[in-house]
Protein backbone atom coordinates (compact mmCIF):
# COMPACT_ATOMS: atom_id res chain seq x y z
CA MET A 1 -21.23 1.61 -16.99
CA LYS A 2 -20.70 -1.04 -14.31
CA ALA A 3 -19.55 0.03 -10.86
CA ILE A 4 -19.55 -1.20 -7.28
CA ARG A 5 -21.56 1.05 -4.97
CA VAL A 6 -22.04 1.14 -1.20
CA HIS A 7 -25.40 2.37 0.10
CA GLU A 8 -24.78 1.61 3.78
CA PHE A 9 -21.69 0.96 5.88
CA GLY A 10 -21.19 -2.64 6.92
CA GLY A 11 -19.66 -5.99 5.95
CA PRO A 12 -18.45 -7.02 2.49
CA ASP A 13 -22.01 -7.81 1.34
CA VAL A 14 -22.85 -4.08 1.16
CA LEU A 15 -20.75 -3.95 -2.03
CA LYS A 16 -23.29 -3.95 -4.89
CA LEU A 17 -22.62 -4.18 -8.62
CA GLU A 18 -24.77 -1.57 -10.34
CA GLU A 19 -25.22 0.34 -13.57
CA VAL A 20 -24.26 4.03 -13.19
CA PRO A 21 -23.98 6.94 -15.67
CA HIS A 22 -20.76 7.49 -17.59
CA PRO A 23 -18.76 10.34 -16.05
CA SER A 24 -17.30 13.38 -17.80
CA ALA A 25 -14.35 15.64 -17.05
CA SER A 26 -14.79 19.13 -15.63
CA PRO A 27 -11.94 21.67 -15.82
CA GLY A 28 -8.80 20.29 -14.17
CA GLN A 29 -10.13 16.73 -14.23
CA VAL A 30 -9.29 13.52 -16.09
CA VAL A 31 -11.52 10.56 -17.00
CA VAL A 32 -9.62 7.27 -16.95
CA GLY A 33 -10.93 4.12 -18.61
CA VAL A 34 -10.13 1.58 -15.90
CA LYS A 35 -8.32 -1.63 -16.87
CA ALA A 36 -7.47 -2.86 -13.36
CA ILE A 37 -8.34 -1.87 -9.78
CA GLY A 38 -6.21 -2.25 -6.66
CA VAL A 39 -7.88 -3.56 -3.49
CA ASN A 40 -6.45 -2.27 -0.22
CA PRO A 41 -7.25 -3.03 3.44
CA VAL A 42 -8.17 0.65 3.89
CA ASP A 43 -11.00 0.11 1.39
CA THR A 44 -12.53 -2.37 3.84
CA TYR A 45 -12.20 0.00 6.81
CA ILE A 46 -13.96 2.78 4.89
CA ARG A 47 -16.68 0.37 3.72
CA ALA A 48 -17.25 -0.80 7.30
CA GLY A 49 -17.58 2.77 8.53
CA THR A 50 -14.74 2.37 11.05
CA TYR A 51 -12.20 4.62 9.32
CA ALA A 52 -11.61 8.27 10.28
CA PHE A 53 -12.83 9.32 6.82
CA LYS A 54 -16.45 8.50 5.92
CA PRO A 55 -17.64 9.25 2.38
CA SER A 56 -21.18 10.39 1.72
CA LEU A 57 -23.52 7.54 0.81
CA PRO A 58 -23.90 6.06 -1.71
CA TYR A 59 -20.30 5.94 -2.90
CA ILE A 60 -18.01 3.98 -5.21
CA PRO A 61 -15.02 2.57 -3.26
CA GLY A 62 -11.38 2.57 -4.26
CA MET A 63 -8.30 4.78 -4.53
CA ASP A 64 -6.05 2.70 -6.83
CA ALA A 65 -6.41 1.79 -10.50
CA ALA A 66 -4.61 1.75 -13.82
CA GLY A 67 -5.94 2.38 -17.29
CA VAL A 68 -6.03 4.74 -20.25
CA VAL A 69 -6.93 8.44 -20.27
CA GLU A 70 -10.22 8.84 -22.16
CA GLU A 71 -10.99 12.52 -21.60
CA VAL A 72 -9.20 15.56 -20.18
CA GLY A 73 -10.88 18.68 -18.87
CA GLN A 74 -9.98 22.25 -19.66
CA GLY A 75 -6.56 23.27 -18.36
CA VAL A 76 -5.15 19.75 -17.98
CA THR A 77 -1.57 19.51 -19.25
CA ARG A 78 -0.02 16.62 -17.29
CA VAL A 79 -1.63 13.89 -19.43
CA LYS A 80 -3.51 13.58 -22.71
CA GLU A 81 -6.07 11.20 -24.20
CA GLY A 82 -4.58 7.77 -24.85
CA ASP A 83 -1.91 7.95 -22.14
CA ARG A 84 -1.39 4.87 -19.96
CA VAL A 85 -1.64 5.93 -16.33
CA TYR A 86 -1.96 4.71 -12.78
CA VAL A 87 -4.35 6.41 -10.40
CA ALA A 88 -3.34 7.74 -6.99
CA GLY A 89 -6.70 8.67 -5.55
CA SER A 90 -9.97 9.43 -7.29
CA LEU A 91 -12.82 11.92 -7.11
CA THR A 92 -15.47 9.32 -7.92
CA GLY A 93 -13.96 5.99 -6.77
CA THR A 94 -12.07 3.38 -8.75
CA TYR A 95 -14.27 0.26 -8.45
CA ALA A 96 -15.81 1.12 -11.81
CA ALA A 97 -15.32 0.94 -15.57
CA LYS A 98 -14.31 4.62 -15.53
CA THR A 99 -13.09 6.97 -12.83
CA VAL A 100 -12.74 10.74 -12.59
CA CYS A 101 -9.54 12.09 -11.06
CA ALA A 102 -8.03 15.46 -10.41
CA GLU A 103 -5.09 16.09 -12.72
CA THR A 104 -2.75 15.69 -9.72
CA GLN A 105 -4.07 12.16 -9.08
CA VAL A 106 -2.90 10.57 -12.35
CA TYR A 107 0.65 9.49 -13.18
CA ARG A 108 2.10 7.98 -16.33
CA LEU A 109 2.64 4.23 -16.29
CA PRO A 110 5.84 2.95 -17.92
CA ALA A 111 5.21 0.69 -20.92
CA LYS A 112 6.94 -2.28 -19.23
CA ILE A 113 4.38 -2.27 -16.38
CA HIS A 114 1.09 -3.99 -17.26
CA PHE A 115 -2.23 -2.60 -16.01
CA ALA A 116 -2.72 -5.13 -13.20
CA GLN A 117 0.69 -4.14 -11.83
CA GLY A 118 -0.21 -0.48 -12.29
CA ALA A 119 -3.26 -0.99 -10.08
CA ALA A 120 -0.90 -2.29 -7.39
CA VAL A 121 1.23 0.86 -7.31
CA ASN A 122 -0.34 3.73 -5.43
CA VAL A 123 -1.26 2.76 -1.86
CA PRO A 124 1.37 0.01 -1.46
CA TYR A 125 4.35 1.87 -2.91
CA ALA A 126 3.42 5.36 -1.74
CA THR A 127 2.80 4.02 1.77
CA ALA A 128 6.07 2.10 1.82
CA TYR A 129 8.10 5.01 0.45
CA ARG A 130 6.61 7.50 2.90
CA ALA A 131 7.06 5.10 5.82
CA ILE A 132 10.69 4.29 5.06
CA PHE A 133 12.07 7.59 3.84
CA GLN A 134 9.82 10.50 4.78
CA ILE A 135 8.62 9.32 8.19
CA GLY A 136 11.27 6.71 9.05
CA GLU A 137 14.17 8.85 7.71
CA ALA A 138 16.01 5.72 6.58
CA ARG A 139 19.61 5.87 5.40
CA ALA A 140 21.74 3.50 3.37
CA GLY A 141 23.45 0.90 5.55
CA GLU A 142 20.68 0.76 8.15
CA ILE A 143 18.75 -2.39 9.07
CA VAL A 144 15.07 -2.42 8.11
CA PHE A 145 12.67 -4.97 9.59
CA VAL A 146 9.46 -5.37 7.57
CA HIS A 147 6.92 -7.02 9.84
CA GLY A 148 4.66 -8.54 7.15
CA ALA A 149 6.77 -8.60 4.01
CA SER A 150 4.62 -10.62 1.62
CA GLY A 151 1.61 -8.31 1.18
CA GLY A 152 1.32 -5.29 -1.11
CA VAL A 153 2.97 -2.75 1.22
CA GLY A 154 5.45 -5.34 2.50
CA VAL A 155 6.74 -6.27 -0.96
CA ALA A 156 7.02 -2.58 -1.85
CA ALA A 157 8.96 -1.89 1.36
CA VAL A 158 11.37 -4.76 0.69
CA GLN A 159 12.08 -3.57 -2.86
CA LEU A 160 12.50 0.08 -1.87
CA ALA A 161 14.76 -0.63 1.11
CA ARG A 162 16.94 -3.09 -0.80
CA ALA A 163 17.36 -0.65 -3.71
CA ALA A 164 18.42 2.07 -1.26
CA GLY A 165 21.26 0.00 0.21
CA MET A 166 19.74 -1.25 3.44
CA MET A 167 19.87 -4.66 5.07
CA VAL A 168 16.31 -6.00 4.82
CA ILE A 169 14.80 -8.56 7.19
CA GLY A 170 11.16 -9.52 6.68
CA THR A 171 8.52 -11.83 8.08
CA ALA A 172 5.76 -13.87 6.45
CA GLY A 173 3.39 -16.52 7.72
CA THR A 174 3.57 -19.00 4.83
CA SER A 175 6.40 -20.64 2.92
CA LYS A 176 5.02 -19.10 -0.29
CA GLY A 177 5.10 -15.66 1.30
CA ARG A 178 8.65 -16.14 2.58
CA GLU A 179 9.81 -17.25 -0.85
CA LEU A 180 8.21 -14.14 -2.37
CA ALA A 181 9.90 -11.77 0.09
CA LEU A 182 13.30 -13.38 -0.54
CA ARG A 183 12.78 -13.21 -4.29
CA GLU A 184 11.89 -9.53 -4.10
CA GLY A 185 15.04 -8.57 -2.22
CA ALA A 186 14.90 -9.42 1.49
CA HIS A 187 18.23 -10.65 2.84
CA HIS A 188 16.47 -12.80 5.47
CA VAL A 189 12.82 -13.76 6.01
CA LEU A 190 11.46 -15.12 9.29
CA ASP A 191 8.33 -17.16 9.95
CA HIS A 192 6.18 -15.01 12.22
CA THR A 193 4.06 -18.02 13.16
CA ALA A 194 7.05 -19.81 14.70
CA ALA A 195 7.87 -19.56 18.40
CA GLY A 196 10.93 -17.46 19.13
CA TYR A 197 11.20 -15.99 15.65
CA LEU A 198 12.08 -12.55 17.02
CA GLU A 199 15.18 -13.97 18.68
CA GLN A 200 16.37 -14.80 15.17
CA LEU A 201 16.31 -11.09 14.37
CA ARG A 202 18.55 -10.39 17.34
CA SER A 203 20.94 -13.06 16.12
CA LEU A 204 20.93 -11.81 12.51
CA THR A 205 21.80 -8.29 13.69
CA GLY A 206 24.46 -9.42 16.16
CA GLY A 207 22.28 -8.27 19.05
CA ARG A 208 22.09 -4.73 17.67
CA GLY A 209 18.45 -4.77 16.58
CA ALA A 210 16.71 -2.94 13.74
CA ASP A 211 17.08 0.73 12.92
CA ILE A 212 13.61 0.87 11.36
CA ILE A 213 10.62 -1.43 11.81
CA ILE A 214 7.77 -1.15 9.33
CA GLU A 215 4.76 -2.38 11.26
CA MET A 216 1.61 -3.55 9.43
CA LEU A 217 -0.36 -4.81 12.47
CA ALA A 218 0.55 -2.71 15.48
CA ASN A 219 -2.19 -4.02 17.76
CA VAL A 220 -0.55 -7.47 17.60
CA ASN A 221 3.15 -6.65 17.22
CA LEU A 222 4.02 -3.19 18.56
CA GLY A 223 4.76 -4.31 22.11
CA LYS A 224 7.10 -6.99 20.75
CA ASP A 225 8.74 -4.61 18.26
CA LEU A 226 10.05 -2.08 20.75
CA PRO A 227 12.66 -4.30 22.45
CA LEU A 228 14.05 -5.11 18.98
CA LEU A 229 15.00 -1.52 18.18
CA ALA A 230 18.62 -0.45 17.86
CA ALA A 231 19.75 2.79 19.48
CA ARG A 232 17.74 5.71 18.02
CA GLY A 233 15.56 3.17 16.21
CA ARG A 234 12.16 4.04 14.78
CA VAL A 235 8.95 2.01 14.50
CA VAL A 236 6.70 3.32 11.73
CA VAL A 237 3.10 2.19 12.17
CA VAL A 238 1.49 1.52 8.80
CA GLY A 239 -1.45 -0.62 9.94
CA ASN A 240 -3.44 -1.17 13.13
CA ARG A 241 -6.72 -2.88 13.98
CA GLY A 242 -7.18 -2.23 17.69
CA THR A 243 -5.65 -1.09 20.96
CA VAL A 244 -2.25 -2.19 22.18
CA GLU A 245 -0.29 -2.10 25.44
CA ILE A 246 3.41 -1.22 25.41
CA ASN A 247 6.18 -0.70 27.92
CA ALA A 248 7.63 2.74 27.21
CA ARG A 249 10.88 1.77 28.93
CA ASP A 250 11.63 -0.32 25.84
CA ILE A 251 12.29 2.89 23.90
CA MET A 252 13.35 5.32 26.64
CA GLY A 253 16.87 4.00 27.06
CA LYS A 254 17.44 3.83 23.31
CA ASP A 255 16.14 7.27 22.29
CA GLY A 256 13.72 5.22 20.23
CA SER A 257 10.46 6.44 18.74
CA ILE A 258 7.09 5.29 17.45
CA ARG A 259 5.91 7.18 14.40
CA GLY A 260 2.49 6.98 12.77
CA MET A 261 1.75 7.73 9.15
CA SER A 262 -1.16 8.13 6.76
CA LEU A 263 -1.13 8.94 3.06
CA LEU A 264 -4.33 10.93 3.53
CA VAL A 265 -2.46 13.65 5.43
CA ALA A 266 0.69 13.73 3.29
CA PRO A 267 1.41 17.24 1.94
CA ALA A 268 1.29 17.79 -1.81
CA ASP A 269 5.06 18.31 -2.04
CA ASP A 270 5.69 15.01 -0.27
CA LEU A 271 3.30 13.20 -2.61
CA ALA A 272 5.01 14.69 -5.65
CA GLY A 273 8.37 13.42 -4.41
CA ILE A 274 6.93 9.99 -3.66
CA HIS A 275 5.52 9.51 -7.15
CA ALA A 276 8.65 10.83 -8.85
CA ALA A 277 10.65 8.19 -7.01
CA ILE A 278 8.08 5.48 -7.78
CA TYR A 279 8.10 6.27 -11.51
CA ALA A 280 11.90 6.09 -11.58
CA GLY A 281 11.84 2.71 -9.83
CA LEU A 282 9.18 1.31 -12.15
CA GLU A 283 11.12 2.53 -15.15
CA ASN A 284 14.51 1.19 -14.10
CA GLY A 285 13.15 -2.13 -12.81
CA THR A 286 13.99 -1.82 -9.11
CA LEU A 287 10.25 -1.67 -8.34
CA ARG A 288 8.19 -4.61 -9.56
CA PRO A 289 4.57 -4.72 -8.33
CA VAL A 290 3.49 -8.28 -7.55
CA VAL A 291 -0.11 -9.27 -8.28
CA GLY A 292 -1.21 -12.23 -6.18
CA GLN A 293 -4.82 -12.59 -7.31
CA GLU A 294 -7.00 -11.20 -10.09
CA MET A 295 -10.80 -11.26 -9.77
CA PRO A 296 -13.69 -9.85 -11.81
CA LEU A 297 -15.18 -6.59 -10.52
CA ALA A 298 -18.39 -8.49 -9.81
CA GLU A 299 -16.47 -10.45 -7.13
CA ALA A 300 -15.57 -7.40 -5.05
CA VAL A 301 -17.20 -9.02 -2.02
CA ARG A 302 -14.79 -11.95 -2.25
CA ALA A 303 -11.87 -9.56 -2.75
CA HIS A 304 -12.75 -7.63 0.42
CA LYS A 305 -12.81 -10.87 2.39
CA ALA A 306 -9.55 -12.10 0.89
CA VAL A 307 -7.59 -8.88 1.49
CA MET A 308 -8.14 -9.24 5.25
CA GLU A 309 -7.11 -12.88 5.46
CA PRO A 310 -3.66 -13.88 6.79
CA GLY A 311 -1.03 -15.27 4.45
CA ALA A 312 -0.85 -12.32 2.05
CA HIS A 313 0.98 -12.92 -1.22
CA GLY A 314 1.17 -9.79 -3.36
CA LYS A 315 -1.73 -7.59 -4.37
CA ILE A 316 -5.41 -8.37 -5.03
CA VAL A 317 -6.64 -6.75 -8.24
CA LEU A 318 -10.15 -6.44 -9.67
CA LEU A 319 -10.75 -6.44 -13.43
CA PRO A 320 -13.78 -4.46 -14.73
């Protein structure tokens, strides 16, 4: 079968399309025939060798996909052959025609959600849910500021916060991105390339500030986020690409806090709750994954370049 493999850490060009053996399921495992693959920024960090987790070389990248169960190992009861599923992690990597998952890494995909959307579920929606509710401890009626609301995690955060009864303010760097965030549920969307755009947030909140800020690029924005917090406000750092300098006084007088998060350290019980909530949202229509670009698996190099470019608009998906 066709798969992308990485033999050395480095730039996008280390992604190689190769022929690899078809996998099989051991006890407790599931083989999924992949129909669509989600591309995430974290995939690029792992490929570059700069992420905390480094897989053994060579490896097949990817944690997100959607497809059809082709084989189940002994003892598997959650799914059966022929089930439509989305993948939340993989034992063998998802940039391939087939992927092997632990039984706990596959979740049923509602019939109304097509496979490309299913590939856009795991990292974006699980990250957004954990950031808002489990780490950010959001409550209905609070003000949520999504700093980067037009990408995969941003769109998910907007939909989740709006469905939970919060006032949602987002940012995006293009008119297309701002239109997307508004369409997906943001009450207001600011242009983060415009001078003074953060003063608009103060105005929109009557000077109160945001209760929760979901921060996708902390090395650029964290220092500017802190003065925008309301009393007892929380910044949840979802993404970061370097060091940052802050003034701690900006949170001291507000009992504010900065909270980091990573799906890779989420306990099993938390993950189970996340995916139960995601399935319910997909089923009832409050969660609607947005696919911005679809590319052939052979163009994984282009996908890894595109996912790091500014002006995000939904999710990038590879098709095997």
